[in-house]
Amino acid sequence: MNRHSETGLKLIKSSQYVEDSIVTNGPDLGPKLDADFVAGVVRWKASQGKAKRPTAPSFTDVLFILKDRLAVSRHRLAETDRAHVANVRHFLEVRALARSVNTTFFSKMSATRRTFQEHFPDSENAFVLAAFQSPTSADSTQLLEQAGTVLDRLESPTFVLPKPLTKAVKVDPEELITELKSEVEQLRTSDNDLRLARRKVQKSRKDKNRAVKEHSELFLRISRMFESFYLIAGEPELAAQIRPSGRRPGRRAVEVADEEAAGKPDAEQSAPEQSAPEQSAPEQSAVAEQVADSAASNAEQVPAEAPESDSESSTTDASS
């Protein structure tokens, strides 16, 4: 089961059971309670100085009104759940692309820097002139800053590239500038897309959590109400089937008991959902919202990827 939907689907299943129970048993349950209900309305009207018998809805009508209210809440929960899963899937796709772009540009910068170091007689001077004096960073934000410094230096009228030690090695500053600018733009675009996708995941998670909370509270009130109705109508077996769980909001007690007896982990307790990280760099992102089957629910953490092997050091950190 998709771990991002697991909690929502369990709540939806419980809600559907209660709604179906009302549809199935409401027509028989209503008449059993109608007399008491109408008498109660008459007494209330009388207490307000209106002794005339009012035209009151049947108890069956009331049952179905409550059922419909629960169904509306369930549909909203299902919609927010689907929206969140879709945003998670999109985030993973965007993050994979951002990491690919970052890796490609990191390799380009590293290779160019090594070329300056290894193939020019005055390598140190050429290295500094081209602004490649710092180790290439795997962090996309720092990588963009380094690339901007390099481009500014390469485009400077005072920049002069020494002749290489080997004639076969050719570095065309103009061509290098064009390549770097193109890859800088790709990296900047992928970073922006990743930030936007992360914000959408955070918003849809808040919407889903709010829908879960509201539905759980409504389910608790309505299912308790119907449990009482069933007991008053002399249907203890039906009452037991829709009794809400006291420890798992939004769930039926019998469902929770069956899961615990089967030894199934409870997703809401095993791994509470966390917010997506704020880092903009794909290499630093610790979000792992996997849309894959998993018994655990909403635990988001993957190790940060190591940059390509190079003699230089790289700055990476992973946070969850």
Protein backbone atom coordinates (compact mmCIF):
# COMPACT_ATOMS: atom_id res chain seq x y z
CA MET A 1 0.00 0.00 0.00
CA ASN A 2 1.28 3.46 -0.84
CA ARG A 3 2.50 4.80 2.47
CA HIS A 4 1.29 8.32 1.67
CA SER A 5 -2.26 6.98 1.21
CA GLU A 6 -2.27 4.34 3.94
CA THR A 7 -3.60 6.52 6.75
CA GLY A 8 -6.17 8.18 4.51
CA LEU A 9 -7.40 4.90 3.06
CA LYS A 10 -7.91 3.39 6.50
CA LEU A 11 -10.03 6.38 7.54
CA ILE A 12 -11.98 6.20 4.30
CA LYS A 13 -12.61 2.48 4.81
CA SER A 14 -13.96 3.07 8.33
CA SER A 15 -16.16 5.90 7.12
CA GLN A 16 -17.57 3.83 4.27
CA TYR A 17 -18.45 1.03 6.67
CA VAL A 18 -20.43 3.37 8.92
CA GLU A 19 -22.17 4.95 5.93
CA ASP A 20 -23.07 1.52 4.52
CA SER A 21 -24.33 0.44 7.92
CA ILE A 22 -26.65 3.44 8.01
CA VAL A 23 -27.89 2.80 4.47
CA THR A 24 -28.53 -0.86 5.27
CA ASN A 25 -30.04 -0.54 8.73
CA GLY A 26 -31.35 3.03 8.76
CA PRO A 27 -34.78 2.25 7.25
CA ASP A 28 -35.43 -0.29 10.02
CA LEU A 29 -33.72 1.67 12.77
CA GLY A 30 -35.50 4.94 12.01
CA PRO A 31 -39.05 3.82 12.73
CA LYS A 32 -37.95 2.32 16.04
CA LEU A 33 -36.74 5.76 17.15
CA ASP A 34 -39.27 7.99 15.35
CA ALA A 35 -41.79 8.05 18.19
CA ASP A 36 -39.25 9.19 20.77
CA PHE A 37 -37.77 11.70 18.35
CA VAL A 38 -41.10 13.31 17.41
CA ALA A 39 -42.22 13.33 21.06
CA GLY A 40 -39.01 15.11 21.96
CA VAL A 41 -39.63 17.76 19.30
CA VAL A 42 -43.20 18.23 20.57
CA ARG A 43 -41.96 18.69 24.12
CA TRP A 44 -39.37 21.23 23.02
CA LYS A 45 -41.94 23.19 21.01
CA ALA A 46 -44.30 23.11 23.96
CA SER A 47 -41.60 24.49 26.20
CA GLN A 48 -41.24 27.37 23.77
CA GLY A 49 -44.97 28.16 23.98
CA LYS A 50 -45.87 26.35 20.75
CA ALA A 51 -47.98 23.40 21.86
CA LYS A 52 -49.23 22.60 18.37
CA ARG A 53 -47.73 19.36 17.06
CA PRO A 54 -44.98 20.34 14.61
CA THR A 55 -44.22 18.71 11.32
CA ALA A 56 -40.98 16.99 12.17
CA PRO A 57 -38.65 15.01 9.92
CA SER A 58 -38.56 11.28 10.51
CA PHE A 59 -35.66 9.82 12.37
CA THR A 60 -34.73 8.00 9.19
CA ASP A 61 -34.26 11.41 7.52
CA VAL A 62 -31.94 12.45 10.32
CA LEU A 63 -29.89 9.27 9.96
CA PHE A 64 -29.35 9.86 6.27
CA ILE A 65 -28.54 13.55 6.75
CA LEU A 66 -25.75 12.55 9.11
CA LYS A 67 -24.60 9.83 6.73
CA ASP A 68 -24.39 12.33 3.88
CA ARG A 69 -22.38 14.73 6.03
CA LEU A 70 -19.89 11.96 6.77
CA ALA A 71 -19.70 11.08 3.07
CA VAL A 72 -18.87 14.70 2.13
CA SER A 73 -16.01 14.69 4.62
CA ARG A 74 -14.77 11.35 3.32
CA HIS A 75 -14.75 12.58 -0.28
CA ARG A 76 -12.74 15.66 0.71
CA LEU A 77 -10.24 13.44 2.52
CA ALA A 78 -9.88 11.23 -0.57
CA GLU A 79 -9.32 14.29 -2.80
CA THR A 80 -6.61 15.76 -0.58
CA ASP A 81 -4.96 12.36 -0.31
CA ARG A 82 -4.83 11.92 -4.11
CA ALA A 83 -3.53 15.48 -4.56
CA HIS A 84 -0.74 14.90 -2.04
CA VAL A 85 0.37 11.63 -3.64
CA ALA A 86 0.39 13.30 -7.08
CA ASN A 87 2.55 16.15 -5.73
CA VAL A 88 4.94 13.69 -4.11
CA ARG A 89 5.31 11.81 -7.39
CA HIS A 90 5.96 15.06 -9.26
CA PHE A 91 8.50 16.14 -6.65
CA LEU A 92 10.45 12.90 -7.07
CA GLU A 93 10.56 13.36 -10.84
CA VAL A 94 11.72 16.97 -10.56
CA ARG A 95 14.31 16.08 -7.93
CA ALA A 96 15.74 13.28 -10.10
CA LEU A 97 16.10 15.72 -13.01
CA ALA A 98 17.69 18.37 -10.77
CA ARG A 99 20.23 15.88 -9.48
CA SER A 100 21.08 14.81 -13.01
CA VAL A 101 21.60 18.42 -14.13
CA ASN A 102 23.66 19.15 -11.00
CA THR A 103 25.85 16.08 -11.55
CA THR A 104 26.47 16.98 -15.20
CA PHE A 105 27.45 20.54 -14.37
CA PHE A 106 29.61 19.44 -11.44
CA SER A 107 31.51 17.13 -13.78
CA LYS A 108 31.92 19.89 -16.36
CA MET A 109 33.31 22.34 -13.82
CA SER A 110 35.62 19.73 -12.29
CA ALA A 111 36.98 18.61 -15.66
CA THR A 112 37.60 22.19 -16.78
CA ARG A 113 39.36 23.02 -13.55
CA ARG A 114 41.65 19.98 -13.91
CA THR A 115 42.44 21.02 -17.48
CA PHE A 116 43.62 24.40 -16.24
CA GLN A 117 45.67 22.79 -13.50
CA GLU A 118 47.37 20.10 -15.57
CA HIS A 119 48.00 21.57 -19.02
CA PHE A 120 49.23 25.11 -18.58
CA PRO A 121 52.82 26.08 -17.77
CA ASP A 122 51.80 28.76 -15.34
CA SER A 123 49.02 26.59 -13.96
CA GLU A 124 48.65 28.46 -10.71
CA ASN A 125 48.32 31.80 -12.47
CA ALA A 126 45.93 30.40 -15.08
CA PHE A 127 43.96 28.73 -12.34
CA VAL A 128 43.49 31.98 -10.44
CA LEU A 129 42.90 34.02 -13.57
CA ALA A 130 40.02 31.79 -14.56
CA ALA A 131 38.63 31.91 -10.98
CA PHE A 132 38.88 28.14 -10.52
CA GLN A 133 40.88 28.53 -7.34
CA SER A 134 38.23 26.96 -5.07
CA PRO A 135 37.39 23.24 -4.95
CA THR A 136 34.30 22.52 -7.02
CA SER A 137 31.22 22.31 -4.82
CA ALA A 138 28.54 19.63 -5.14
CA ASP A 139 26.00 22.03 -3.67
CA SER A 140 23.98 23.57 -6.49
CA THR A 141 23.76 27.02 -4.88
CA GLN A 142 27.52 27.24 -4.32
CA LEU A 143 28.14 25.70 -7.73
CA LEU A 144 26.11 28.48 -9.37
CA GLU A 145 28.11 31.09 -7.44
CA GLN A 146 31.40 29.54 -8.55
CA ALA A 147 30.22 29.36 -12.15
CA GLY A 148 29.18 33.03 -12.03
CA THR A 149 32.64 34.02 -10.76
CA VAL A 150 34.32 31.96 -13.49
CA LEU A 151 32.14 33.49 -16.22
CA ASP A 152 32.82 37.01 -14.97
CA ARG A 153 36.57 36.32 -15.08
CA LEU A 154 36.54 34.62 -18.49
CA GLU A 155 34.56 37.52 -19.97
CA SER A 156 36.88 40.13 -18.46
CA PRO A 157 38.88 42.12 -21.07
CA THR A 158 42.02 41.59 -18.97
CA PHE A 159 41.80 37.79 -19.02
CA VAL A 160 44.62 36.17 -21.03
CA LEU A 161 44.96 32.39 -21.15
CA PRO A 162 48.58 31.15 -21.22
CA LYS A 163 49.64 28.66 -23.87
CA PRO A 164 49.17 25.02 -22.84
CA LEU A 165 52.08 22.65 -22.28
CA THR A 166 50.66 20.32 -24.92
CA LYS A 167 49.60 21.70 -28.27
CA ALA A 168 46.87 19.06 -28.51
CA VAL A 169 45.10 20.66 -25.56
CA LYS A 170 42.90 23.46 -26.76
CA VAL A 171 40.73 25.65 -24.60
CA ASP A 172 38.57 28.19 -26.39
CA PRO A 173 37.42 30.73 -23.79
CA GLU A 174 34.46 31.82 -25.95
CA GLU A 175 33.28 28.26 -26.41
CA LEU A 176 33.74 27.58 -22.70
CA ILE A 177 31.72 30.67 -21.85
CA THR A 178 28.85 29.52 -24.09
CA GLU A 179 28.83 26.03 -22.58
CA LEU A 180 28.94 27.29 -19.00
CA LYS A 181 26.14 29.80 -19.57
CA SER A 182 23.90 27.11 -21.04
CA GLU A 183 24.50 24.74 -18.15
CA VAL A 184 24.14 27.51 -15.56
CA GLU A 185 20.70 28.30 -16.97
CA GLN A 186 19.68 24.62 -16.86
CA LEU A 187 20.84 24.27 -13.27
CA ARG A 188 19.11 27.47 -12.18
CA THR A 189 15.86 26.34 -13.83
CA SER A 190 15.99 22.88 -12.28
CA ASP A 191 16.67 24.41 -8.84
CA ASN A 192 13.67 26.72 -9.17
CA ASP A 193 11.45 23.84 -10.31
CA LEU A 194 12.61 21.77 -7.34
CA ARG A 195 11.80 24.54 -4.86
CA LEU A 196 8.34 24.96 -6.36
CA ALA A 197 7.67 21.21 -6.28
CA ARG A 198 8.78 21.04 -2.64
CA ARG A 199 6.43 23.88 -1.68
CA LYS A 200 3.54 22.09 -3.37
CA VAL A 201 4.29 18.93 -1.38
CA GLN A 202 4.37 20.91 1.85
CA LYS A 203 1.06 22.62 1.08
CA SER A 204 -0.72 19.42 0.01
CA ARG A 205 0.57 17.70 3.15
CA LYS A 206 -0.93 20.44 5.31
CA ASP A 207 -4.22 20.18 3.41
CA LYS A 208 -4.26 16.42 3.84
CA ASN A 209 -3.40 16.58 7.55
CA ARG A 210 -6.16 19.13 8.08
CA ALA A 211 -8.65 16.94 6.22
CA VAL A 212 -7.58 13.89 8.24
CA LYS A 213 -8.04 15.76 11.52
CA GLU A 214 -11.44 17.21 10.59
CA HIS A 215 -12.72 13.89 9.24
CA SER A 216 -11.49 11.97 12.28
CA GLU A 217 -13.32 14.35 14.64
CA LEU A 218 -16.53 14.17 12.61
CA PHE A 219 -16.30 10.38 12.33
CA LEU A 220 -15.87 10.08 16.09
CA ARG A 221 -18.98 12.16 16.81
CA ILE A 222 -21.21 10.52 14.21
CA SER A 223 -20.12 6.94 14.88
CA ARG A 224 -20.61 7.42 18.62
CA MET A 225 -24.04 8.82 17.91
CA PHE A 226 -25.01 5.86 15.77
CA GLU A 227 -23.56 3.42 18.27
CA SER A 228 -25.99 4.90 20.80
CA PHE A 229 -28.85 4.77 18.31
CA TYR A 230 -28.22 1.09 17.61
CA LEU A 231 -28.09 0.32 21.33
CA ILE A 232 -31.34 2.20 21.97
CA ALA A 233 -32.97 0.33 19.09
CA GLY A 234 -31.85 -3.00 20.58
CA GLU A 235 -29.06 -3.75 18.08
CA PRO A 236 -25.92 -4.29 20.20
CA GLU A 237 -24.16 -6.30 17.47
CA LEU A 238 -24.50 -3.44 14.98
CA ALA A 239 -23.40 -0.97 17.65
CA ALA A 240 -20.23 -2.97 18.29
CA GLN A 241 -19.34 -2.93 14.59
CA ILE A 242 -19.37 0.88 14.28
CA ARG A 243 -17.98 1.73 17.72
CA PRO A 244 -15.09 4.21 17.19
CA SER A 245 -11.62 3.44 18.44
CA GLY A 246 -10.58 5.38 21.51
CA ARG A 247 -6.89 5.28 20.51
CA ARG A 248 -7.01 5.66 16.72
CA PRO A 249 -9.13 8.67 15.74
CA GLY A 250 -11.22 8.10 12.65
CA ARG A 251 -11.06 4.30 12.90
CA ARG A 252 -13.48 1.62 14.06
CA ALA A 253 -12.47 -0.21 17.22
CA VAL A 254 -12.93 -3.65 15.64
CA GLU A 255 -10.58 -2.77 12.77
CA VAL A 256 -7.85 -1.59 15.11
CA ALA A 257 -8.28 -4.68 17.30
CA ASP A 258 -8.03 -6.99 14.27
CA GLU A 259 -4.84 -5.26 13.06
CA GLU A 260 -3.23 -5.47 16.47
CA ALA A 261 -4.18 -9.14 16.78
CA ALA A 262 -2.57 -9.78 13.38
CA GLY A 263 0.57 -7.95 14.47
CA LYS A 264 0.33 -5.31 11.74
CA PRO A 265 2.25 -2.07 12.45
CA ASP A 266 0.18 1.06 12.73
CA ALA A 267 1.36 3.56 10.13
CA GLU A 268 0.29 6.57 12.19
CA GLN A 269 2.46 5.46 15.12
CA SER A 270 5.46 3.92 13.36
CA ALA A 271 6.63 6.92 11.33
CA PRO A 272 4.84 10.25 11.55
CA GLU A 273 4.91 12.37 8.42
CA GLN A 274 7.49 15.14 8.33
CA SER A 275 7.89 18.28 6.29
CA ALA A 276 10.01 18.37 3.18
CA PRO A 277 13.45 19.93 3.80
CA GLU A 278 14.15 23.51 2.91
CA GLN A 279 17.47 23.00 1.10
CA SER A 280 17.50 24.09 -2.52
CA ALA A 281 20.38 21.83 -3.55
CA PRO A 282 19.34 18.45 -4.88
CA GLU A 283 22.46 16.86 -3.39
CA GLN A 284 21.48 18.16 0.06
CA SER A 285 17.82 17.23 -0.12
CA ALA A 286 16.92 14.64 2.50
CA VAL A 287 13.34 14.16 1.33
CA ALA A 288 12.58 10.65 0.14
CA GLU A 289 8.87 10.62 -0.47
CA GLN A 290 8.84 7.27 -2.19
CA VAL A 291 5.65 6.39 -4.03
CA ALA A 292 6.30 2.68 -3.58
CA ASP A 293 4.71 -0.05 -1.51
CA SER A 294 5.82 0.19 2.08
CA ALA A 295 4.41 -0.73 5.44
CA ALA A 296 6.03 2.28 7.05
CA SER A 297 4.19 5.55 6.60
CA ASN A 298 5.56 8.98 5.85
CA ALA A 299 9.22 8.60 6.93
CA GLU A 300 11.32 10.79 4.66
CA GLN A 301 15.07 10.34 4.71
CA VAL A 302 17.70 9.20 2.20
CA PRO A 303 21.44 9.67 2.38
CA ALA A 304 22.86 12.56 0.43
CA GLU A 305 24.51 11.44 -2.77
CA ALA A 306 28.30 11.58 -2.93
CA PRO A 307 29.77 13.69 -5.74
CA GLU A 308 31.84 12.15 -8.48
CA SER A 309 35.30 11.10 -7.36
CA ASP A 310 37.74 13.94 -7.66
CA SER A 311 40.79 15.15 -5.84
CA GLU A 312 38.86 18.14 -4.60
CA SER A 313 36.69 18.21 -1.53
CA SER A 314 32.95 18.80 -1.76
CA THR A 315 30.47 20.31 0.60
CA THR A 316 27.54 18.06 1.32
CA ASP A 317 25.21 17.71 4.20
CA ALA A 318 22.00 15.81 4.63
CA SER A 319 19.12 16.86 6.76
CA SER A 320 15.69 15.41 7.23
